[in-house]
Amino acid sequence: MDVLEQACHLLGGPARLARALRVSPQTLNNWKRRRRIPADQIMAVETVTAGRVTVREILHYNQSQDVRQQQGEP
């Protein structure tokens, strides 16, 4: 389970996570599709999950996507 799925699970689903972050469900879906949480939302994700998804985990998640892109993977 990746960090975004974990955050969704902890909050009771993607709609609740989106509401807690004050973003649209479509925005959250875009993050999932891109496998990236925007820098300006990283602290908010940690906050709304009460620290159960940490900044460090999110940064690792984002960095993993950067490596995949550099290697030409989707």
N, C-alpha and C. Protein backbone atom coordinates (compact mmCIF):
# COMPACT_ATOMS: atom_id res chain seq x y z
N MET A 1 0.85 -1.17 0.00
CA MET A 1 0.00 0.00 0.00
C MET A 1 0.90 1.24 0.00
N ASP A 2 0.68 2.14 -0.96
CA ASP A 2 1.50 3.34 -0.99
C ASP A 2 0.96 4.38 -0.01
N VAL A 3 1.68 5.47 0.16
CA VAL A 3 1.32 6.45 1.19
C VAL A 3 -0.04 7.10 0.94
N LEU A 4 -0.39 7.31 -0.30
CA LEU A 4 -1.68 7.92 -0.60
C LEU A 4 -2.82 6.94 -0.28
N GLU A 5 -2.64 5.69 -0.62
CA GLU A 5 -3.63 4.67 -0.27
C GLU A 5 -3.75 4.53 1.25
N GLN A 6 -2.61 4.60 1.92
CA GLN A 6 -2.60 4.50 3.38
C GLN A 6 -3.36 5.67 4.00
N ALA A 7 -3.12 6.87 3.50
CA ALA A 7 -3.83 8.05 4.01
C ALA A 7 -5.33 7.93 3.76
N CYS A 8 -5.70 7.47 2.58
CA CYS A 8 -7.13 7.26 2.26
C CYS A 8 -7.74 6.26 3.24
N HIS A 9 -7.04 5.17 3.46
CA HIS A 9 -7.53 4.13 4.37
C HIS A 9 -7.70 4.69 5.79
N LEU A 10 -6.72 5.43 6.26
CA LEU A 10 -6.76 5.97 7.61
C LEU A 10 -7.92 6.94 7.82
N LEU A 11 -8.25 7.69 6.78
CA LEU A 11 -9.31 8.70 6.90
C LEU A 11 -10.68 8.16 6.50
N GLY A 12 -10.73 6.93 5.99
CA GLY A 12 -12.02 6.35 5.64
C GLY A 12 -12.39 6.49 4.19
N GLY A 13 -11.41 6.70 3.33
CA GLY A 13 -11.67 6.74 1.90
C GLY A 13 -11.17 8.02 1.25
N PRO A 14 -11.08 7.99 -0.08
CA PRO A 14 -10.54 9.14 -0.80
C PRO A 14 -11.39 10.41 -0.66
N ALA A 15 -12.70 10.27 -0.59
CA ALA A 15 -13.54 11.47 -0.46
C ALA A 15 -13.28 12.18 0.87
N ARG A 16 -13.11 11.41 1.91
CA ARG A 16 -12.82 12.01 3.23
C ARG A 16 -11.43 12.62 3.27
N LEU A 17 -10.47 11.97 2.65
CA LEU A 17 -9.13 12.55 2.61
C LEU A 17 -9.15 13.85 1.82
N ALA A 18 -9.80 13.85 0.68
CA ALA A 18 -9.90 15.07 -0.13
C ALA A 18 -10.54 16.19 0.67
N ARG A 19 -11.61 15.89 1.36
CA ARG A 19 -12.30 16.89 2.17
C ARG A 19 -11.38 17.43 3.27
N ALA A 20 -10.66 16.53 3.94
CA ALA A 20 -9.76 16.95 5.02
C ALA A 20 -8.64 17.85 4.50
N LEU A 21 -8.19 17.58 3.27
CA LEU A 21 -7.11 18.38 2.68
C LEU A 21 -7.63 19.62 1.95
N ARG A 22 -8.96 19.72 1.85
CA ARG A 22 -9.60 20.83 1.15
C ARG A 22 -9.20 20.89 -0.32
N VAL A 23 -9.19 19.70 -0.92
CA VAL A 23 -8.97 19.58 -2.37
C VAL A 23 -10.13 18.77 -2.94
N SER A 24 -10.29 18.84 -4.23
CA SER A 24 -11.36 18.07 -4.86
C SER A 24 -10.96 16.60 -4.97
N PRO A 25 -11.94 15.72 -5.02
CA PRO A 25 -11.61 14.31 -5.26
C PRO A 25 -10.83 14.12 -6.56
N GLN A 26 -11.11 14.93 -7.57
CA GLN A 26 -10.39 14.86 -8.84
C GLN A 26 -8.91 15.20 -8.64
N THR A 27 -8.63 16.19 -7.81
CA THR A 27 -7.24 16.54 -7.51
C THR A 27 -6.53 15.36 -6.87
N LEU A 28 -7.18 14.74 -5.91
CA LEU A 28 -6.60 13.57 -5.25
C LEU A 28 -6.36 12.44 -6.25
N ASN A 29 -7.30 12.25 -7.15
CA ASN A 29 -7.15 11.24 -8.20
C ASN A 29 -5.94 11.55 -9.09
N ASN A 30 -5.73 12.82 -9.39
CA ASN A 30 -4.56 13.21 -10.19
C ASN A 30 -3.27 12.88 -9.46
N TRP A 31 -3.23 13.09 -8.15
CA TRP A 31 -2.04 12.73 -7.38
C TRP A 31 -1.79 11.23 -7.47
N LYS A 32 -2.85 10.45 -7.36
CA LYS A 32 -2.70 8.99 -7.45
C LYS A 32 -2.16 8.59 -8.82
N ARG A 33 -2.73 9.19 -9.85
CA ARG A 33 -2.32 8.85 -11.21
C ARG A 33 -0.86 9.21 -11.45
N ARG A 34 -0.45 10.35 -10.95
CA ARG A 34 0.94 10.82 -11.13
C ARG A 34 1.91 10.22 -10.12
N ARG A 35 1.34 9.56 -9.10
CA ARG A 35 2.14 9.01 -8.00
C ARG A 35 3.00 10.08 -7.36
N ARG A 36 2.38 11.21 -7.08
CA ARG A 36 3.11 12.33 -6.49
C ARG A 36 2.15 13.20 -5.69
N ILE A 37 2.59 13.53 -4.48
CA ILE A 37 1.85 14.47 -3.64
C ILE A 37 2.59 15.80 -3.73
N PRO A 38 1.89 16.87 -4.10
CA PRO A 38 2.55 18.17 -4.26
C PRO A 38 3.22 18.64 -2.97
N ALA A 39 4.32 19.34 -3.13
CA ALA A 39 5.10 19.82 -1.98
C ALA A 39 4.26 20.63 -1.00
N ASP A 40 3.34 21.43 -1.53
CA ASP A 40 2.54 22.28 -0.64
C ASP A 40 1.47 21.51 0.12
N GLN A 41 1.35 20.21 -0.11
CA GLN A 41 0.36 19.39 0.59
C GLN A 41 0.99 18.33 1.50
N ILE A 42 2.30 18.22 1.47
CA ILE A 42 2.97 17.16 2.23
C ILE A 42 2.71 17.29 3.73
N MET A 43 2.90 18.46 4.29
CA MET A 43 2.66 18.66 5.72
C MET A 43 1.19 18.44 6.07
N ALA A 44 0.30 18.85 5.17
CA ALA A 44 -1.13 18.68 5.42
C ALA A 44 -1.49 17.20 5.51
N VAL A 45 -0.90 16.38 4.65
CA VAL A 45 -1.18 14.94 4.69
C VAL A 45 -0.72 14.37 6.02
N GLU A 46 0.47 14.76 6.46
CA GLU A 46 0.95 14.28 7.75
C GLU A 46 0.01 14.73 8.87
N THR A 47 -0.45 15.97 8.80
CA THR A 47 -1.34 16.51 9.83
C THR A 47 -2.67 15.78 9.88
N VAL A 48 -3.33 15.63 8.73
CA VAL A 48 -4.67 15.02 8.74
C VAL A 48 -4.63 13.53 9.08
N THR A 49 -3.47 12.90 8.91
CA THR A 49 -3.34 11.49 9.30
C THR A 49 -2.77 11.35 10.71
N ALA A 50 -2.66 12.47 11.42
CA ALA A 50 -2.14 12.48 12.79
C ALA A 50 -0.75 11.84 12.87
N GLY A 51 0.05 12.08 11.84
CA GLY A 51 1.42 11.60 11.83
C GLY A 51 1.58 10.14 11.46
N ARG A 52 0.50 9.47 11.10
CA ARG A 52 0.60 8.05 10.72
C ARG A 52 1.13 7.89 9.31
N VAL A 53 1.07 8.95 8.51
CA VAL A 53 1.79 9.03 7.24
C VAL A 53 2.72 10.22 7.41
N THR A 54 4.01 9.97 7.39
CA THR A 54 4.97 11.01 7.73
C THR A 54 5.51 11.74 6.50
N VAL A 55 6.06 12.91 6.76
CA VAL A 55 6.70 13.68 5.70
C VAL A 55 7.79 12.84 5.05
N ARG A 56 8.55 12.14 5.84
CA ARG A 56 9.64 11.31 5.32
C ARG A 56 9.11 10.25 4.35
N GLU A 57 8.01 9.60 4.71
CA GLU A 57 7.42 8.59 3.84
C GLU A 57 6.93 9.21 2.53
N ILE A 58 6.34 10.39 2.63
CA ILE A 58 5.83 11.06 1.44
C ILE A 58 6.97 11.48 0.54
N LEU A 59 8.03 12.02 1.12
CA LEU A 59 9.19 12.42 0.31
C LEU A 59 9.80 11.22 -0.39
N HIS A 60 9.87 10.09 0.30
CA HIS A 60 10.39 8.86 -0.32
C HIS A 60 9.48 8.43 -1.47
N TYR A 61 8.18 8.50 -1.26
CA TYR A 61 7.19 8.17 -2.29
C TYR A 61 7.38 9.05 -3.51
N ASN A 62 7.51 10.36 -3.29
CA ASN A 62 7.72 11.29 -4.40
C ASN A 62 9.04 11.02 -5.11
N GLN A 63 10.09 10.77 -4.33
CA GLN A 63 11.41 10.53 -4.91
C GLN A 63 11.41 9.24 -5.73
N SER A 64 10.69 8.23 -5.28
CA SER A 64 10.61 6.98 -6.03
C SER A 64 10.01 7.21 -7.41
N GLN A 65 9.01 8.08 -7.48
CA GLN A 65 8.41 8.41 -8.78
C GLN A 65 9.42 9.14 -9.66
N ASP A 66 10.22 10.02 -9.08
CA ASP A 66 11.24 10.73 -9.86
C ASP A 66 12.21 9.74 -10.49
N VAL A 67 12.62 8.73 -9.73
CA VAL A 67 13.55 7.71 -10.24
C VAL A 67 12.90 6.93 -11.37
N ARG A 68 11.63 6.55 -11.20
CA ARG A 68 10.93 5.82 -12.26
C ARG A 68 10.87 6.64 -13.55
N GLN A 69 10.61 7.93 -13.42
CA GLN A 69 10.54 8.79 -14.60
C GLN A 69 11.90 8.90 -15.28
N GLN A 70 12.97 8.99 -14.51
CA GLN A 70 14.31 9.08 -15.08
C GLN A 70 14.68 7.80 -15.82
N GLN A 71 14.14 6.69 -15.38
CA GLN A 71 14.43 5.41 -16.02
C GLN A 71 13.47 5.12 -17.17
N GLY A 72 12.56 6.05 -17.42
CA GLY A 72 11.63 5.89 -18.52
C GLY A 72 10.44 5.01 -18.24
N GLU A 73 10.19 4.73 -16.96
CA GLU A 73 9.04 3.92 -16.58
C GLU A 73 7.83 4.82 -16.40
N PRO A 74 6.62 4.29 -16.58
CA PRO A 74 5.40 5.10 -16.37
C PRO A 74 5.14 5.42 -14.92
